[in-house]
Amino acid sequence: MRSLTEQDIRTSFVNCSKGEARRLAVPRDLGERPWDDLDFLGWRDPWATDRSYLVAEREGRPVGVALRFPAAQHGFLHRSMCSVCLTTHGGGGVSLMTARKAGAAGREGNSVGVYMCTDLACSLYVRGRKVPESGRRFEESLTQDEQIARTTANLLAFLDKLHA
């Protein structure tokens, strides 16, 4: 993914108002992000325990999405799998992220959801740059490039549902 500026990020959001996009917390470490290893930029809101954001490239332009997820996930002792990168986590490492749909459907209250790594580090897990708490990812027969392509396709499928 190409590096993004704060302005790129704020103007990319498709499922919130311009005012909401102006007020959201953008990461301060954009210059330190491993852009070459990211399929999307994802971060949690440091002031709201139930909000996250992601920005991905879709059709050559950045598309931002505001996400909500349960703030507390007490009792999750089993393993869960991210449906984007297929990384397995234990103890709340995967959350159901919901996003208000874009346009009129979103203003009517419609939303879509995806089970995703709570820390939004899918790109880093697939590339082996980050290790899940469980210690490792499942061994796959796909190459790393094929896993990256699958992760990107899964994310784009989720973004497509926002516009459907």
N, C-alpha and C. Protein backbone atom coordinates (compact mmCIF):
# COMPACT_ATOMS: atom_id res chain seq x y z
N MET A 1 0.85 -1.17 0.00
CA MET A 1 0.00 0.00 0.00
C MET A 1 0.90 1.23 0.00
N ARG A 2 0.48 2.26 -0.70
CA ARG A 2 1.26 3.49 -0.70
C ARG A 2 1.03 4.23 0.61
N SER A 3 1.99 5.03 1.03
CA SER A 3 1.83 5.77 2.28
C SER A 3 0.73 6.82 2.12
N LEU A 4 0.05 7.08 3.21
CA LEU A 4 -1.07 8.02 3.22
C LEU A 4 -0.79 9.17 4.16
N THR A 5 -1.34 10.32 3.82
CA THR A 5 -1.27 11.48 4.71
C THR A 5 -2.54 11.55 5.54
N GLU A 6 -2.53 12.37 6.55
CA GLU A 6 -3.73 12.56 7.36
C GLU A 6 -4.88 13.03 6.49
N GLN A 7 -4.62 13.92 5.55
CA GLN A 7 -5.66 14.43 4.66
C GLN A 7 -6.22 13.31 3.78
N ASP A 8 -5.33 12.46 3.23
CA ASP A 8 -5.78 11.31 2.43
C ASP A 8 -6.75 10.45 3.24
N ILE A 9 -6.39 10.22 4.48
CA ILE A 9 -7.19 9.36 5.35
C ILE A 9 -8.54 9.99 5.63
N ARG A 10 -8.55 11.24 6.05
CA ARG A 10 -9.81 11.89 6.43
C ARG A 10 -10.79 11.99 5.26
N THR A 11 -10.29 12.20 4.05
CA THR A 11 -11.19 12.34 2.90
C THR A 11 -11.61 11.00 2.30
N SER A 12 -11.05 9.90 2.80
CA SER A 12 -11.33 8.59 2.21
C SER A 12 -12.57 7.90 2.77
N PHE A 13 -13.11 8.35 3.87
CA PHE A 13 -14.17 7.61 4.56
C PHE A 13 -15.48 7.63 3.77
N VAL A 14 -16.06 6.43 3.64
CA VAL A 14 -17.28 6.27 2.85
C VAL A 14 -18.51 6.01 3.71
N ASN A 15 -18.32 5.77 5.01
CA ASN A 15 -19.49 5.41 5.82
C ASN A 15 -19.63 6.29 7.07
N CYS A 16 -19.13 7.51 6.98
CA CYS A 16 -19.37 8.47 8.05
C CYS A 16 -19.42 9.87 7.44
N SER A 17 -19.92 10.81 8.19
CA SER A 17 -20.04 12.17 7.67
C SER A 17 -18.66 12.84 7.60
N LYS A 18 -18.58 13.92 6.87
CA LYS A 18 -17.31 14.67 6.78
C LYS A 18 -16.91 15.18 8.16
N GLY A 19 -17.88 15.58 8.97
CA GLY A 19 -17.60 16.05 10.32
C GLY A 19 -17.04 14.94 11.19
N GLU A 20 -17.62 13.75 11.09
CA GLU A 20 -17.10 12.60 11.85
C GLU A 20 -15.67 12.28 11.39
N ALA A 21 -15.43 12.33 10.10
CA ALA A 21 -14.09 12.04 9.57
C ALA A 21 -13.08 13.08 10.05
N ARG A 22 -13.49 14.33 10.16
CA ARG A 22 -12.59 15.39 10.66
C ARG A 22 -12.23 15.17 12.12
N ARG A 23 -13.17 14.60 12.90
CA ARG A 23 -12.96 14.43 14.34
C ARG A 23 -12.29 13.12 14.73
N LEU A 24 -12.24 12.14 13.84
CA LEU A 24 -11.69 10.84 14.25
C LEU A 24 -10.19 10.92 14.51
N ALA A 25 -9.73 10.04 15.36
CA ALA A 25 -8.32 10.00 15.77
C ALA A 25 -7.49 9.29 14.70
N VAL A 26 -6.64 10.05 14.00
CA VAL A 26 -5.75 9.49 12.99
C VAL A 26 -4.42 9.15 13.67
N PRO A 27 -3.81 8.00 13.33
CA PRO A 27 -2.54 7.66 13.96
C PRO A 27 -1.49 8.76 13.75
N ARG A 28 -0.72 9.00 14.79
CA ARG A 28 0.32 10.04 14.72
C ARG A 28 1.63 9.50 14.14
N ASP A 29 1.72 8.18 14.01
CA ASP A 29 2.97 7.57 13.55
C ASP A 29 2.92 7.14 12.08
N LEU A 30 2.21 7.88 11.23
CA LEU A 30 2.07 7.50 9.83
C LEU A 30 3.42 7.36 9.13
N GLY A 31 4.38 8.19 9.48
CA GLY A 31 5.70 8.12 8.87
C GLY A 31 6.49 6.89 9.27
N GLU A 32 6.08 6.23 10.36
CA GLU A 32 6.80 5.06 10.86
C GLU A 32 6.13 3.74 10.48
N ARG A 33 5.01 3.80 9.82
CA ARG A 33 4.28 2.57 9.46
C ARG A 33 5.04 1.80 8.37
N PRO A 34 5.00 0.47 8.40
CA PRO A 34 5.67 -0.34 7.37
C PRO A 34 4.82 -0.44 6.10
N TRP A 35 4.68 0.65 5.37
CA TRP A 35 3.74 0.75 4.25
C TRP A 35 3.91 -0.37 3.23
N ASP A 36 5.15 -0.78 2.96
CA ASP A 36 5.37 -1.84 1.97
C ASP A 36 4.79 -3.19 2.42
N ASP A 37 4.58 -3.35 3.71
CA ASP A 37 4.04 -4.59 4.26
C ASP A 37 2.56 -4.51 4.59
N LEU A 38 1.91 -3.41 4.26
CA LEU A 38 0.50 -3.24 4.60
C LEU A 38 -0.39 -3.39 3.38
N ASP A 39 -1.43 -4.19 3.53
CA ASP A 39 -2.48 -4.29 2.52
C ASP A 39 -3.55 -3.26 2.80
N PHE A 40 -3.61 -2.81 4.04
CA PHE A 40 -4.51 -1.74 4.46
C PHE A 40 -3.95 -1.14 5.74
N LEU A 41 -4.34 0.08 6.02
CA LEU A 41 -3.98 0.74 7.27
C LEU A 41 -5.14 0.54 8.23
N GLY A 42 -4.87 -0.05 9.37
CA GLY A 42 -5.91 -0.27 10.37
C GLY A 42 -5.43 0.20 11.73
N TRP A 43 -6.34 0.82 12.50
CA TRP A 43 -5.99 1.27 13.85
C TRP A 43 -7.23 1.37 14.72
N ARG A 44 -7.00 1.25 16.00
CA ARG A 44 -8.07 1.39 17.00
C ARG A 44 -8.09 2.83 17.48
N ASP A 45 -9.27 3.30 17.80
CA ASP A 45 -9.42 4.65 18.34
C ASP A 45 -8.90 4.64 19.77
N PRO A 46 -7.90 5.47 20.09
CA PRO A 46 -7.33 5.43 21.44
C PRO A 46 -8.27 5.97 22.52
N TRP A 47 -9.32 6.70 22.13
CA TRP A 47 -10.23 7.30 23.11
C TRP A 47 -11.57 6.60 23.18
N ALA A 48 -11.85 5.69 22.27
CA ALA A 48 -13.12 4.96 22.28
C ALA A 48 -12.82 3.47 22.19
N THR A 49 -13.21 2.73 23.20
CA THR A 49 -12.85 1.31 23.27
C THR A 49 -13.59 0.44 22.26
N ASP A 50 -14.59 0.99 21.59
CA ASP A 50 -15.38 0.18 20.67
C ASP A 50 -15.24 0.61 19.21
N ARG A 51 -14.25 1.44 18.88
CA ARG A 51 -14.12 1.93 17.51
C ARG A 51 -12.74 1.64 16.93
N SER A 52 -12.77 1.27 15.65
CA SER A 52 -11.55 1.08 14.87
C SER A 52 -11.80 1.66 13.49
N TYR A 53 -10.73 1.81 12.74
CA TYR A 53 -10.81 2.36 11.39
C TYR A 53 -9.86 1.60 10.49
N LEU A 54 -10.22 1.53 9.23
CA LEU A 54 -9.28 0.98 8.26
C LEU A 54 -9.40 1.76 6.96
N VAL A 55 -8.27 1.84 6.26
CA VAL A 55 -8.21 2.48 4.96
C VAL A 55 -7.49 1.51 4.03
N ALA A 56 -8.13 1.18 2.92
CA ALA A 56 -7.56 0.28 1.93
C ALA A 56 -7.65 0.93 0.56
N GLU A 57 -6.83 0.45 -0.36
CA GLU A 57 -6.94 0.93 -1.73
C GLU A 57 -7.96 0.08 -2.47
N ARG A 58 -8.87 0.77 -3.13
CA ARG A 58 -9.91 0.10 -3.92
C ARG A 58 -10.04 0.88 -5.20
N GLU A 59 -9.82 0.21 -6.31
CA GLU A 59 -9.88 0.84 -7.63
C GLU A 59 -8.95 2.05 -7.70
N GLY A 60 -7.76 1.92 -7.11
CA GLY A 60 -6.74 2.94 -7.21
C GLY A 60 -6.87 4.13 -6.28
N ARG A 61 -7.84 4.09 -5.39
CA ARG A 61 -7.97 5.22 -4.45
C ARG A 61 -8.21 4.70 -3.04
N PRO A 62 -7.84 5.49 -2.03
CA PRO A 62 -8.07 5.04 -0.65
C PRO A 62 -9.54 5.08 -0.28
N VAL A 63 -9.98 4.04 0.41
CA VAL A 63 -11.36 3.94 0.91
C VAL A 63 -11.28 3.68 2.40
N GLY A 64 -11.82 4.60 3.19
CA GLY A 64 -11.81 4.48 4.64
C GLY A 64 -13.13 3.99 5.17
N VAL A 65 -13.05 3.19 6.24
CA VAL A 65 -14.25 2.61 6.85
C VAL A 65 -14.15 2.75 8.36
N ALA A 66 -15.20 3.30 8.96
CA ALA A 66 -15.32 3.35 10.42
C ALA A 66 -15.97 2.05 10.88
N LEU A 67 -15.36 1.41 11.87
CA LEU A 67 -15.82 0.11 12.37
C LEU A 67 -16.17 0.21 13.85
N ARG A 68 -17.10 -0.62 14.26
CA ARG A 68 -17.42 -0.78 15.69
C ARG A 68 -17.27 -2.24 16.04
N PHE A 69 -16.90 -2.48 17.30
CA PHE A 69 -16.79 -3.85 17.79
C PHE A 69 -17.07 -3.85 19.27
N PRO A 70 -17.42 -5.01 19.84
CA PRO A 70 -17.72 -5.06 21.27
C PRO A 70 -16.51 -4.61 22.08
N ALA A 71 -16.74 -3.71 23.02
CA ALA A 71 -15.65 -3.18 23.85
C ALA A 71 -15.07 -4.24 24.77
N ALA A 72 -15.89 -5.08 25.32
CA ALA A 72 -15.41 -6.12 26.24
C ALA A 72 -15.84 -7.47 25.71
N GLN A 73 -14.93 -8.41 25.72
CA GLN A 73 -15.24 -9.74 25.22
C GLN A 73 -14.92 -10.76 26.31
N HIS A 74 -15.57 -10.62 27.42
CA HIS A 74 -15.32 -11.52 28.55
C HIS A 74 -15.78 -12.93 28.21
N GLY A 75 -15.01 -13.91 28.65
CA GLY A 75 -15.41 -15.29 28.48
C GLY A 75 -14.93 -15.94 27.20
N PHE A 76 -14.22 -15.20 26.32
CA PHE A 76 -13.70 -15.79 25.09
C PHE A 76 -12.42 -16.54 25.40
N LEU A 77 -12.53 -17.84 25.65
CA LEU A 77 -11.37 -18.65 25.92
C LEU A 77 -11.04 -19.57 24.75
N HIS A 78 -11.94 -19.64 23.79
CA HIS A 78 -11.72 -20.51 22.64
C HIS A 78 -10.95 -19.75 21.55
N ARG A 79 -10.53 -20.48 20.57
CA ARG A 79 -9.83 -19.88 19.44
C ARG A 79 -10.85 -19.36 18.42
N SER A 80 -10.48 -18.27 17.79
CA SER A 80 -11.31 -17.69 16.73
C SER A 80 -10.41 -17.40 15.55
N MET A 81 -10.99 -17.44 14.35
CA MET A 81 -10.21 -17.19 13.14
C MET A 81 -10.69 -15.92 12.45
N CYS A 82 -9.75 -15.09 12.07
CA CYS A 82 -10.03 -13.90 11.29
C CYS A 82 -10.48 -14.34 9.90
N SER A 83 -11.58 -13.77 9.42
CA SER A 83 -12.07 -14.16 8.09
C SER A 83 -11.38 -13.38 6.98
N VAL A 84 -10.50 -12.44 7.32
CA VAL A 84 -9.75 -11.69 6.31
C VAL A 84 -8.42 -12.38 6.03
N CYS A 85 -7.61 -12.61 7.07
CA CYS A 85 -6.27 -13.17 6.87
C CYS A 85 -6.16 -14.64 7.28
N LEU A 86 -7.21 -15.19 7.88
CA LEU A 86 -7.27 -16.57 8.34
C LEU A 86 -6.24 -16.88 9.42
N THR A 87 -5.93 -15.90 10.23
CA THR A 87 -5.07 -16.11 11.41
C THR A 87 -5.96 -16.51 12.57
N THR A 88 -5.53 -17.51 13.31
CA THR A 88 -6.27 -17.99 14.48
C THR A 88 -5.72 -17.32 15.72
N HIS A 89 -6.62 -16.84 16.55
CA HIS A 89 -6.25 -16.17 17.80
C HIS A 89 -7.02 -16.82 18.94
N GLY A 90 -6.51 -16.70 20.12
CA GLY A 90 -7.24 -17.08 21.32
C GLY A 90 -7.61 -15.83 22.10
N GLY A 91 -8.52 -15.97 23.03
CA GLY A 91 -8.83 -14.92 23.99
C GLY A 91 -9.16 -13.55 23.47
N GLY A 92 -10.05 -13.41 22.53
CA GLY A 92 -10.49 -12.09 22.09
C GLY A 92 -9.64 -11.46 21.01
N GLY A 93 -8.75 -12.22 20.38
CA GLY A 93 -7.91 -11.69 19.32
C GLY A 93 -8.64 -11.47 18.01
N VAL A 94 -9.89 -11.97 17.92
CA VAL A 94 -10.74 -11.75 16.76
C VAL A 94 -12.04 -11.13 17.26
N SER A 95 -12.49 -10.10 16.56
CA SER A 95 -13.75 -9.43 16.94
C SER A 95 -14.66 -9.32 15.73
N LEU A 96 -15.95 -9.29 16.00
CA LEU A 96 -16.91 -9.00 14.94
C LEU A 96 -16.89 -7.49 14.75
N MET A 97 -16.33 -7.05 13.64
CA MET A 97 -16.28 -5.64 13.30
C MET A 97 -17.49 -5.33 12.43
N THR A 98 -18.25 -4.33 12.81
CA THR A 98 -19.41 -3.94 12.01
C THR A 98 -19.19 -2.54 11.47
N ALA A 99 -19.67 -2.33 10.27
CA ALA A 99 -19.53 -1.04 9.61
C ALA A 99 -20.88 -0.63 9.04
N ARG A 100 -21.22 0.62 9.27
CA ARG A 100 -22.42 1.17 8.66
C ARG A 100 -22.21 1.17 7.15
N LYS A 101 -23.23 0.80 6.38
CA LYS A 101 -23.10 0.78 4.93
C LYS A 101 -22.95 2.21 4.41
N ALA A 102 -22.39 2.32 3.22
CA ALA A 102 -22.21 3.62 2.58
C ALA A 102 -23.55 4.11 2.01
N GLY A 103 -23.70 5.41 1.94
CA GLY A 103 -24.86 6.01 1.28
C GLY A 103 -26.15 5.91 2.06
N ALA A 104 -27.24 5.88 1.29
CA ALA A 104 -28.59 5.88 1.87
C ALA A 104 -28.81 4.67 2.77
N ALA A 105 -28.30 3.51 2.37
CA ALA A 105 -28.50 2.30 3.19
C ALA A 105 -27.90 2.48 4.57
N GLY A 106 -26.75 3.11 4.67
CA GLY A 106 -26.13 3.35 5.96
C GLY A 106 -26.90 4.36 6.78
N ARG A 107 -27.43 5.39 6.12
CA ARG A 107 -28.23 6.39 6.85
C ARG A 107 -29.52 5.79 7.38
N GLU A 108 -29.97 4.69 6.76
CA GLU A 108 -31.17 3.97 7.23
C GLU A 108 -30.82 2.98 8.34
N GLY A 109 -29.54 2.86 8.68
CA GLY A 109 -29.13 1.99 9.77
C GLY A 109 -28.62 0.63 9.36
N ASN A 110 -28.47 0.36 8.07
CA ASN A 110 -27.98 -0.93 7.61
C ASN A 110 -26.47 -1.03 7.81
N SER A 111 -26.00 -2.21 8.15
CA SER A 111 -24.57 -2.41 8.38
C SER A 111 -24.16 -3.80 7.90
N VAL A 112 -22.86 -3.99 7.78
CA VAL A 112 -22.29 -5.29 7.46
C VAL A 112 -21.20 -5.59 8.47
N GLY A 113 -20.89 -6.87 8.63
CA GLY A 113 -19.88 -7.23 9.61
C GLY A 113 -18.89 -8.23 9.06
N VAL A 114 -17.75 -8.31 9.75
CA VAL A 114 -16.69 -9.25 9.38
C VAL A 114 -15.93 -9.61 10.65
N TYR A 115 -15.61 -10.89 10.81
CA TYR A 115 -14.75 -11.30 11.92
C TYR A 115 -13.32 -11.01 11.51
N MET A 116 -12.65 -10.18 12.32
CA MET A 116 -11.34 -9.67 11.93
C MET A 116 -10.42 -9.60 13.13
N CYS A 117 -9.11 -9.65 12.88
CA CYS A 117 -8.13 -9.49 13.96
C CYS A 117 -8.44 -8.19 14.70
N THR A 118 -8.60 -8.27 16.00
CA THR A 118 -8.96 -7.11 16.80
C THR A 118 -7.94 -5.99 16.66
N ASP A 119 -6.67 -6.34 16.49
CA ASP A 119 -5.63 -5.31 16.37
C ASP A 119 -5.44 -4.84 14.93
N LEU A 120 -6.22 -5.37 13.99
CA LEU A 120 -6.19 -4.99 12.58
C LEU A 120 -4.80 -5.14 11.95
N ALA A 121 -4.05 -6.13 12.40
CA ALA A 121 -2.69 -6.35 11.90
C ALA A 121 -2.63 -7.52 10.92
N CYS A 122 -3.69 -7.77 10.21
CA CYS A 122 -3.76 -8.90 9.28
C CYS A 122 -2.56 -8.96 8.35
N SER A 123 -2.20 -7.84 7.77
CA SER A 123 -1.08 -7.78 6.82
C SER A 123 0.21 -8.28 7.45
N LEU A 124 0.43 -7.90 8.70
CA LEU A 124 1.66 -8.28 9.39
C LEU A 124 1.66 -9.75 9.78
N TYR A 125 0.50 -10.30 10.13
CA TYR A 125 0.41 -11.72 10.46
C TYR A 125 0.71 -12.57 9.22
N VAL A 126 0.13 -12.21 8.09
CA VAL A 126 0.31 -12.97 6.86
C VAL A 126 1.78 -12.98 6.44
N ARG A 127 2.46 -11.88 6.66
CA ARG A 127 3.86 -11.76 6.25
C ARG A 127 4.84 -12.26 7.32
N GLY A 128 4.33 -12.72 8.45
CA GLY A 128 5.20 -13.20 9.51
C GLY A 128 5.92 -12.10 10.27
N ARG A 129 5.47 -10.86 10.10
CA ARG A 129 6.08 -9.73 10.80
C ARG A 129 5.54 -9.56 12.21
N LYS A 130 4.41 -10.22 12.48
CA LYS A 130 3.81 -10.21 13.80
C LYS A 130 3.30 -11.63 14.08
N VAL A 131 3.44 -12.06 15.31
CA VAL A 131 3.04 -13.42 15.70
C VAL A 131 1.82 -13.32 16.61
N PRO A 132 0.77 -14.11 16.32
CA PRO A 132 -0.41 -14.08 17.19
C PRO A 132 -0.06 -14.62 18.58
N GLU A 133 -0.86 -14.23 19.57
CA GLU A 133 -0.62 -14.69 20.95
C GLU A 133 -0.53 -16.20 21.06
N SER A 134 -1.25 -16.90 20.21
CA SER A 134 -1.24 -18.36 20.25
C SER A 134 0.12 -18.92 19.82
N GLY A 135 1.00 -18.08 19.30
CA GLY A 135 2.35 -18.51 18.98
C GLY A 135 2.69 -18.61 17.52
N ARG A 136 1.74 -18.99 16.67
CA ARG A 136 2.04 -19.08 15.25
C ARG A 136 0.75 -19.22 14.46
N ARG A 137 0.87 -19.06 13.15
CA ARG A 137 -0.26 -19.28 12.25
C ARG A 137 -0.26 -20.73 11.81
N PHE A 138 -1.40 -21.20 11.31
CA PHE A 138 -1.46 -22.55 10.76
C PHE A 138 -0.57 -22.63 9.53
N GLU A 139 0.06 -23.77 9.34
CA GLU A 139 0.87 -24.01 8.15
C GLU A 139 -0.07 -24.17 6.96
N GLU A 140 0.22 -23.47 5.88
CA GLU A 140 -0.62 -23.54 4.68
C GLU A 140 0.21 -23.98 3.49
N SER A 141 -0.46 -24.53 2.50
CA SER A 141 0.23 -24.92 1.28
C SER A 141 0.36 -23.75 0.31
N LEU A 142 -0.38 -22.68 0.55
CA LEU A 142 -0.29 -21.49 -0.30
C LEU A 142 1.02 -20.76 -0.03
N THR A 143 1.55 -20.14 -1.07
CA THR A 143 2.73 -19.30 -0.88
C THR A 143 2.33 -18.04 -0.14
N GLN A 144 3.31 -17.32 0.35
CA GLN A 144 3.01 -16.07 1.05
C GLN A 144 2.31 -15.08 0.11
N ASP A 145 2.74 -15.01 -1.15
CA ASP A 145 2.09 -14.11 -2.11
C ASP A 145 0.64 -14.50 -2.33
N GLU A 146 0.36 -15.80 -2.36
CA GLU A 146 -1.03 -16.25 -2.52
C GLU A 146 -1.85 -15.92 -1.28
N GLN A 147 -1.26 -16.03 -0.11
CA GLN A 147 -1.95 -15.67 1.13
C GLN A 147 -2.24 -14.17 1.16
N ILE A 148 -1.30 -13.37 0.71
CA ILE A 148 -1.50 -11.92 0.65
C ILE A 148 -2.62 -11.59 -0.33
N ALA A 149 -2.63 -12.25 -1.48
CA ALA A 149 -3.69 -12.02 -2.47
C ALA A 149 -5.05 -12.41 -1.90
N ARG A 150 -5.11 -13.52 -1.16
CA ARG A 150 -6.36 -13.96 -0.54
C ARG A 150 -6.82 -12.95 0.50
N THR A 151 -5.90 -12.46 1.32
CA THR A 151 -6.24 -11.46 2.35
C THR A 151 -6.82 -10.22 1.69
N THR A 152 -6.16 -9.74 0.64
CA THR A 152 -6.64 -8.56 -0.08
C THR A 152 -8.02 -8.81 -0.68
N ALA A 153 -8.21 -9.98 -1.28
CA ALA A 153 -9.52 -10.30 -1.88
C ALA A 153 -10.61 -10.37 -0.81
N ASN A 154 -10.31 -10.94 0.35
CA ASN A 154 -11.30 -11.01 1.43
C ASN A 154 -11.66 -9.62 1.93
N LEU A 155 -10.66 -8.75 2.05
CA LEU A 155 -10.93 -7.39 2.50
C LEU A 155 -11.77 -6.64 1.45
N LEU A 156 -11.41 -6.77 0.18
CA LEU A 156 -12.17 -6.09 -0.87
C LEU A 156 -13.60 -6.61 -0.94
N ALA A 157 -13.81 -7.89 -0.69
CA ALA A 157 -15.18 -8.43 -0.67
C ALA A 157 -16.00 -7.78 0.44
N PHE A 158 -15.36 -7.56 1.60
CA PHE A 158 -16.04 -6.85 2.69
C PHE A 158 -16.37 -5.42 2.26
N LEU A 159 -15.41 -4.72 1.64
CA LEU A 159 -15.65 -3.35 1.19
C LEU A 159 -16.76 -3.30 0.15
N ASP A 160 -16.82 -4.30 -0.73
CA ASP A 160 -17.89 -4.36 -1.73
C ASP A 160 -19.26 -4.44 -1.07
N LYS A 161 -19.36 -5.16 0.05
CA LYS A 161 -20.64 -5.28 0.75
C LYS A 161 -21.10 -3.94 1.32
N LEU A 162 -20.16 -3.05 1.59
CA LEU A 162 -20.53 -1.72 2.10
C LEU A 162 -21.28 -0.91 1.05
N HIS A 163 -21.01 -1.20 -0.22
CA HIS A 163 -21.62 -0.44 -1.30
C HIS A 163 -22.82 -1.16 -1.91
N ALA A 164 -23.06 -2.40 -1.51
CA ALA A 164 -24.16 -3.19 -2.10
C ALA A 164 -25.51 -2.74 -1.56
